[in-house]
Amino acid sequence: MDPRLKYIVDHYDSFKIGPDEPFPFHCVQCGKCCVHREDILLNPQDLFRMAKHLG
């Protein structure tokens, strides 16, 4: 088994987050994780940055 996968499996409980817990992530604009999804939520700062970027 891949060592990274084994680590995730062995520490699965520490990776769990609740539905209202914030979590850090970094978007690399690949479009693979959020295409055709309705559960990706943006906060007001995200919306402001997008609006500013798009003019």
PDB file of N, CA and C in Angstrom:
ATOM      1  N   MET A   1       0.853  -1.181   0.000  1.00  0.00           N
ATOM      2  CA  MET A   1       0.000   0.000   0.000  1.00  0.00           C
ATOM      3  C   MET A   1       0.895   1.239   0.000  1.00  0.00           C
ATOM      4  N   ASP A   2       0.469   2.243  -0.734  1.00  0.00           N
ATOM      5  CA  ASP A   2       1.182   3.522  -0.789  1.00  0.00           C
ATOM      6  C   ASP A   2       1.301   4.087   0.628  1.00  0.00           C
ATOM      7  N   PRO A   3       2.486   4.568   1.029  1.00  0.00           N
ATOM      8  CA  PRO A   3       2.661   5.086   2.387  1.00  0.00           C
ATOM      9  C   PRO A   3       1.729   6.253   2.726  1.00  0.00           C
ATOM     10  N   ARG A   4       1.435   7.092   1.745  1.00  0.00           N
ATOM     11  CA  ARG A   4       0.525   8.218   2.003  1.00  0.00           C
ATOM     12  C   ARG A   4      -0.877   7.725   2.289  1.00  0.00           C
ATOM     13  N   LEU A   5      -1.327   6.750   1.518  1.00  0.00           N
ATOM     14  CA  LEU A   5      -2.652   6.183   1.721  1.00  0.00           C
ATOM     15  C   LEU A   5      -2.724   5.463   3.067  1.00  0.00           C
ATOM     16  N   LYS A   6      -1.679   4.728   3.404  1.00  0.00           N
ATOM     17  CA  LYS A   6      -1.646   4.049   4.696  1.00  0.00           C
ATOM     18  C   LYS A   6      -1.738   5.058   5.837  1.00  0.00           C
ATOM     19  N   TYR A   7      -1.039   6.174   5.740  1.00  0.00           N
ATOM     20  CA  TYR A   7      -1.103   7.209   6.772  1.00  0.00           C
ATOM     21  C   TYR A   7      -2.532   7.736   6.914  1.00  0.00           C
ATOM     22  N   ILE A   8      -3.183   7.993   5.799  1.00  0.00           N
ATOM     23  CA  ILE A   8      -4.560   8.506   5.826  1.00  0.00           C
ATOM     24  C   ILE A   8      -5.494   7.487   6.465  1.00  0.00           C
ATOM     25  N   VAL A   9      -5.354   6.231   6.079  1.00  0.00           N
ATOM     26  CA  VAL A   9      -6.210   5.183   6.638  1.00  0.00           C
ATOM     27  C   VAL A   9      -5.961   5.042   8.137  1.00  0.00           C
ATOM     28  N   ASP A  10      -4.699   5.053   8.548  1.00  0.00           N
ATOM     29  CA  ASP A  10      -4.363   4.890   9.963  1.00  0.00           C
ATOM     30  C   ASP A  10      -4.815   6.074  10.816  1.00  0.00           C
ATOM     31  N   HIS A  11      -4.909   7.248  10.231  1.00  0.00           N
ATOM     32  CA  HIS A  11      -5.262   8.459  10.973  1.00  0.00           C
ATOM     33  C   HIS A  11      -6.597   9.050  10.511  1.00  0.00           C
ATOM     34  N   TYR A  12      -7.474   8.203  10.007  1.00  0.00           N
ATOM     35  CA  TYR A  12      -8.726   8.652   9.416  1.00  0.00           C
ATOM     36  C   TYR A  12      -9.542   9.548  10.349  1.00  0.00           C
ATOM     37  N   ASP A  13      -9.637   9.155  11.621  1.00  0.00           N
ATOM     38  CA  ASP A  13     -10.448   9.928  12.567  1.00  0.00           C
ATOM     39  C   ASP A  13      -9.952  11.354  12.734  1.00  0.00           C
ATOM     40  N   SER A  14      -8.656  11.579  12.625  1.00  0.00           N
ATOM     41  CA  SER A  14      -8.126  12.939  12.796  1.00  0.00           C
ATOM     42  C   SER A  14      -8.403  13.822  11.576  1.00  0.00           C
ATOM     43  N   PHE A  15      -8.806  13.227  10.454  1.00  0.00           N
ATOM     44  CA  PHE A  15      -9.093  13.997   9.249  1.00  0.00           C
ATOM     45  C   PHE A  15     -10.565  14.391   9.130  1.00  0.00           C
ATOM     46  N   LYS A  16     -11.422  13.831   9.977  1.00  0.00           N
ATOM     47  CA  LYS A  16     -12.850  14.120   9.894  1.00  0.00           C
ATOM     48  C   LYS A  16     -13.124  15.573  10.278  1.00  0.00           C
ATOM     49  N   ILE A  17     -14.038  16.203   9.552  1.00  0.00           N
ATOM     50  CA  ILE A  17     -14.493  17.539   9.907  1.00  0.00           C
ATOM     51  C   ILE A  17     -16.016  17.544   9.870  1.00  0.00           C
ATOM     52  N   GLY A  18     -16.588  18.430  10.643  1.00  0.00           N
ATOM     53  CA  GLY A  18     -18.044  18.545  10.685  1.00  0.00           C
ATOM     54  C   GLY A  18     -18.553  19.373   9.516  1.00  0.00           C
ATOM     55  N   PRO A  19     -19.848  19.342   9.270  1.00  0.00           N
ATOM     56  CA  PRO A  19     -20.412  20.065   8.129  1.00  0.00           C
ATOM     57  C   PRO A  19     -20.272  21.583   8.225  1.00  0.00           C
ATOM     58  N   ASP A  20     -20.131  22.128   9.423  1.00  0.00           N
ATOM     59  CA  ASP A  20     -20.003  23.575   9.575  1.00  0.00           C
ATOM     60  C   ASP A  20     -18.596  24.029   9.936  1.00  0.00           C
ATOM     61  N   GLU A  21     -17.651  23.103   9.960  1.00  0.00           N
ATOM     62  CA  GLU A  21     -16.275  23.464  10.299  1.00  0.00           C
ATOM     63  C   GLU A  21     -15.553  24.012   9.075  1.00  0.00           C
ATOM     64  N   PRO A  22     -14.828  25.123   9.255  1.00  0.00           N
ATOM     65  CA  PRO A  22     -14.018  25.617   8.133  1.00  0.00           C
ATOM     66  C   PRO A  22     -12.810  24.717   7.928  1.00  0.00           C
ATOM     67  N   PHE A  23     -12.298  24.693   6.736  1.00  0.00           N
ATOM     68  CA  PHE A  23     -11.095  23.918   6.467  1.00  0.00           C
ATOM     69  C   PHE A  23     -10.252  24.672   5.448  1.00  0.00           C
ATOM     70  N   PRO A  24      -8.940  24.627   5.604  1.00  0.00           N
ATOM     71  CA  PRO A  24      -8.071  25.326   4.666  1.00  0.00           C
ATOM     72  C   PRO A  24      -7.897  24.520   3.376  1.00  0.00           C
ATOM     73  N   PHE A  25      -7.856  25.201   2.282  1.00  0.00           N
ATOM     74  CA  PHE A  25      -7.511  24.561   1.022  1.00  0.00           C
ATOM     75  C   PHE A  25      -6.957  25.627   0.096  1.00  0.00           C
ATOM     76  N   HIS A  26      -6.274  25.198  -0.913  1.00  0.00           N
ATOM     77  CA  HIS A  26      -5.696  26.128  -1.880  1.00  0.00           C
ATOM     78  C   HIS A  26      -6.177  25.718  -3.267  1.00  0.00           C
ATOM     79  N   CYS A  27      -6.869  26.606  -3.925  1.00  0.00           N
ATOM     80  CA  CYS A  27      -7.378  26.322  -5.267  1.00  0.00           C
ATOM     81  C   CYS A  27      -6.253  26.471  -6.276  1.00  0.00           C
ATOM     82  N   VAL A  28      -6.076  25.442  -7.088  1.00  0.00           N
ATOM     83  CA  VAL A  28      -5.070  25.511  -8.154  1.00  0.00           C
ATOM     84  C   VAL A  28      -5.732  25.702  -9.520  1.00  0.00           C
ATOM     85  N   GLN A  29      -7.049  25.995  -9.499  1.00  0.00           N
ATOM     86  CA  GLN A  29      -7.822  26.301 -10.692  1.00  0.00           C
ATOM     87  C   GLN A  29      -7.775  25.194 -11.737  1.00  0.00           C
ATOM     88  N   CYS A  30      -7.777  23.951 -11.260  1.00  0.00           N
ATOM     89  CA  CYS A  30      -7.767  22.813 -12.186  1.00  0.00           C
ATOM     90  C   CYS A  30      -9.168  22.500 -12.696  1.00  0.00           C
ATOM     91  N   GLY A  31     -10.195  22.871 -11.914  1.00  0.00           N
ATOM     92  CA  GLY A  31     -11.572  22.616 -12.312  1.00  0.00           C
ATOM     93  C   GLY A  31     -12.031  21.193 -12.053  1.00  0.00           C
ATOM     94  N   LYS A  32     -11.208  20.375 -11.441  1.00  0.00           N
ATOM     95  CA  LYS A  32     -11.573  18.972 -11.238  1.00  0.00           C
ATOM     96  C   LYS A  32     -12.410  18.746  -9.978  1.00  0.00           C
ATOM     97  N   CYS A  33     -12.217  19.577  -8.963  1.00  0.00           N
ATOM     98  CA  CYS A  33     -12.893  19.291  -7.688  1.00  0.00           C
ATOM     99  C   CYS A  33     -14.246  19.963  -7.563  1.00  0.00           C
ATOM    100  N   CYS A  34     -14.506  21.005  -8.291  1.00  0.00           N
ATOM    101  CA  CYS A  34     -15.741  21.760  -8.035  1.00  0.00           C
ATOM    102  C   CYS A  34     -16.670  21.847  -9.243  1.00  0.00           C
ATOM    103  N   VAL A  35     -16.357  21.189 -10.325  1.00  0.00           N
ATOM    104  CA  VAL A  35     -17.226  21.208 -11.495  1.00  0.00           C
ATOM    105  C   VAL A  35     -18.459  20.347 -11.228  1.00  0.00           C
ATOM    106  N   HIS A  36     -19.627  20.865 -11.555  1.00  0.00           N
ATOM    107  CA  HIS A  36     -20.906  20.153 -11.396  1.00  0.00           C
ATOM    108  C   HIS A  36     -21.194  19.801  -9.940  1.00  0.00           C
ATOM    109  N   ARG A  37     -20.815  20.686  -9.018  1.00  0.00           N
ATOM    110  CA  ARG A  37     -21.100  20.459  -7.601  1.00  0.00           C
ATOM    111  C   ARG A  37     -21.879  21.638  -7.069  1.00  0.00           C
ATOM    112  N   GLU A  38     -22.774  21.359  -6.149  1.00  0.00           N
ATOM    113  CA  GLU A  38     -23.575  22.412  -5.546  1.00  0.00           C
ATOM    114  C   GLU A  38     -23.252  22.593  -4.073  1.00  0.00           C
ATOM    115  N   ASP A  39     -22.277  21.868  -3.565  1.00  0.00           N
ATOM    116  CA  ASP A  39     -21.963  21.953  -2.143  1.00  0.00           C
ATOM    117  C   ASP A  39     -20.695  22.757  -1.852  1.00  0.00           C
ATOM    118  N   ILE A  40     -20.149  23.427  -2.854  1.00  0.00           N
ATOM    119  CA  ILE A  40     -18.988  24.291  -2.652  1.00  0.00           C
ATOM    120  C   ILE A  40     -19.526  25.665  -2.281  1.00  0.00           C
ATOM    121  N   LEU A  41     -19.255  26.086  -1.058  1.00  0.00           N
ATOM    122  CA  LEU A  41     -19.774  27.358  -0.573  1.00  0.00           C
ATOM    123  C   LEU A  41     -18.672  28.409  -0.549  1.00  0.00           C
ATOM    124  N   LEU A  42     -19.030  29.623  -0.886  1.00  0.00           N
ATOM    125  CA  LEU A  42     -18.097  30.736  -0.869  1.00  0.00           C
ATOM    126  C   LEU A  42     -18.467  31.692   0.244  1.00  0.00           C
ATOM    127  N   ASN A  43     -17.458  32.269   0.858  1.00  0.00           N
ATOM    128  CA  ASN A  43     -17.750  33.279   1.871  1.00  0.00           C
ATOM    129  C   ASN A  43     -17.741  34.657   1.197  1.00  0.00           C
ATOM    130  N   PRO A  44     -18.175  35.699   1.877  1.00  0.00           N
ATOM    131  CA  PRO A  44     -18.226  37.028   1.258  1.00  0.00           C
ATOM    132  C   PRO A  44     -16.876  37.505   0.704  1.00  0.00           C
ATOM    133  N   GLN A  45     -15.795  37.161   1.382  1.00  0.00           N
ATOM    134  CA  GLN A  45     -14.476  37.574   0.885  1.00  0.00           C
ATOM    135  C   GLN A  45     -14.142  36.875  -0.435  1.00  0.00           C
ATOM    136  N   ASP A  46     -14.499  35.603  -0.562  1.00  0.00           N
ATOM    137  CA  ASP A  46     -14.305  34.892  -1.830  1.00  0.00           C
ATOM    138  C   ASP A  46     -15.069  35.585  -2.954  1.00  0.00           C
ATOM    139  N   LEU A  47     -16.337  35.921  -2.676  1.00  0.00           N
ATOM    140  CA  LEU A  47     -17.169  36.579  -3.687  1.00  0.00           C
ATOM    141  C   LEU A  47     -16.596  37.937  -4.080  1.00  0.00           C
ATOM    142  N   PHE A  48     -16.114  38.685  -3.099  1.00  0.00           N
ATOM    143  CA  PHE A  48     -15.521  39.991  -3.375  1.00  0.00           C
ATOM    144  C   PHE A  48     -14.294  39.854  -4.275  1.00  0.00           C
ATOM    145  N   ARG A  49     -13.425  38.892  -3.948  1.00  0.00           N
ATOM    146  CA  ARG A  49     -12.223  38.695  -4.764  1.00  0.00           C
ATOM    147  C   ARG A  49     -12.565  38.280  -6.195  1.00  0.00           C
ATOM    148  N   MET A  50     -13.562  37.408  -6.334  1.00  0.00           N
ATOM    149  CA  MET A  50     -13.958  36.974  -7.671  1.00  0.00           C
ATOM    150  C   MET A  50     -14.544  38.148  -8.469  1.00  0.00           C
ATOM    151  N   ALA A  51     -15.403  38.933  -7.825  1.00  0.00           N
ATOM    152  CA  ALA A  51     -16.023  40.062  -8.498  1.00  0.00           C
ATOM    153  C   ALA A  51     -14.958  41.090  -8.895  1.00  0.00           C
ATOM    154  N   LYS A  52     -14.006  41.324  -8.013  1.00  0.00           N
ATOM    155  CA  LYS A  52     -12.941  42.277  -8.304  1.00  0.00           C
ATOM    156  C   LYS A  52     -12.094  41.786  -9.485  1.00  0.00           C
ATOM    157  N   HIS A  53     -11.784  40.507  -9.480  1.00  0.00           N
ATOM    158  CA  HIS A  53     -10.973  39.927 -10.565  1.00  0.00           C
ATOM    159  C   HIS A  53     -11.713  39.966 -11.904  1.00  0.00           C
ATOM    160  N   LEU A  54     -13.003  39.694 -11.861  1.00  0.00           N
ATOM    161  CA  LEU A  54     -13.790  39.653 -13.099  1.00  0.00           C
ATOM    162  C   LEU A  54     -14.276  41.033 -13.540  1.00  0.00           C
ATOM    163  N   GLY A  55     -14.088  42.021 -12.650  1.00  0.00           N
ATOM    164  CA  GLY A  55     -14.497  43.381 -13.000  1.00  0.00           C
ATOM    165  C   GLY A  55     -15.976  43.568 -12.884  1.00  0.00           C
TER     166      GLY A  55
END
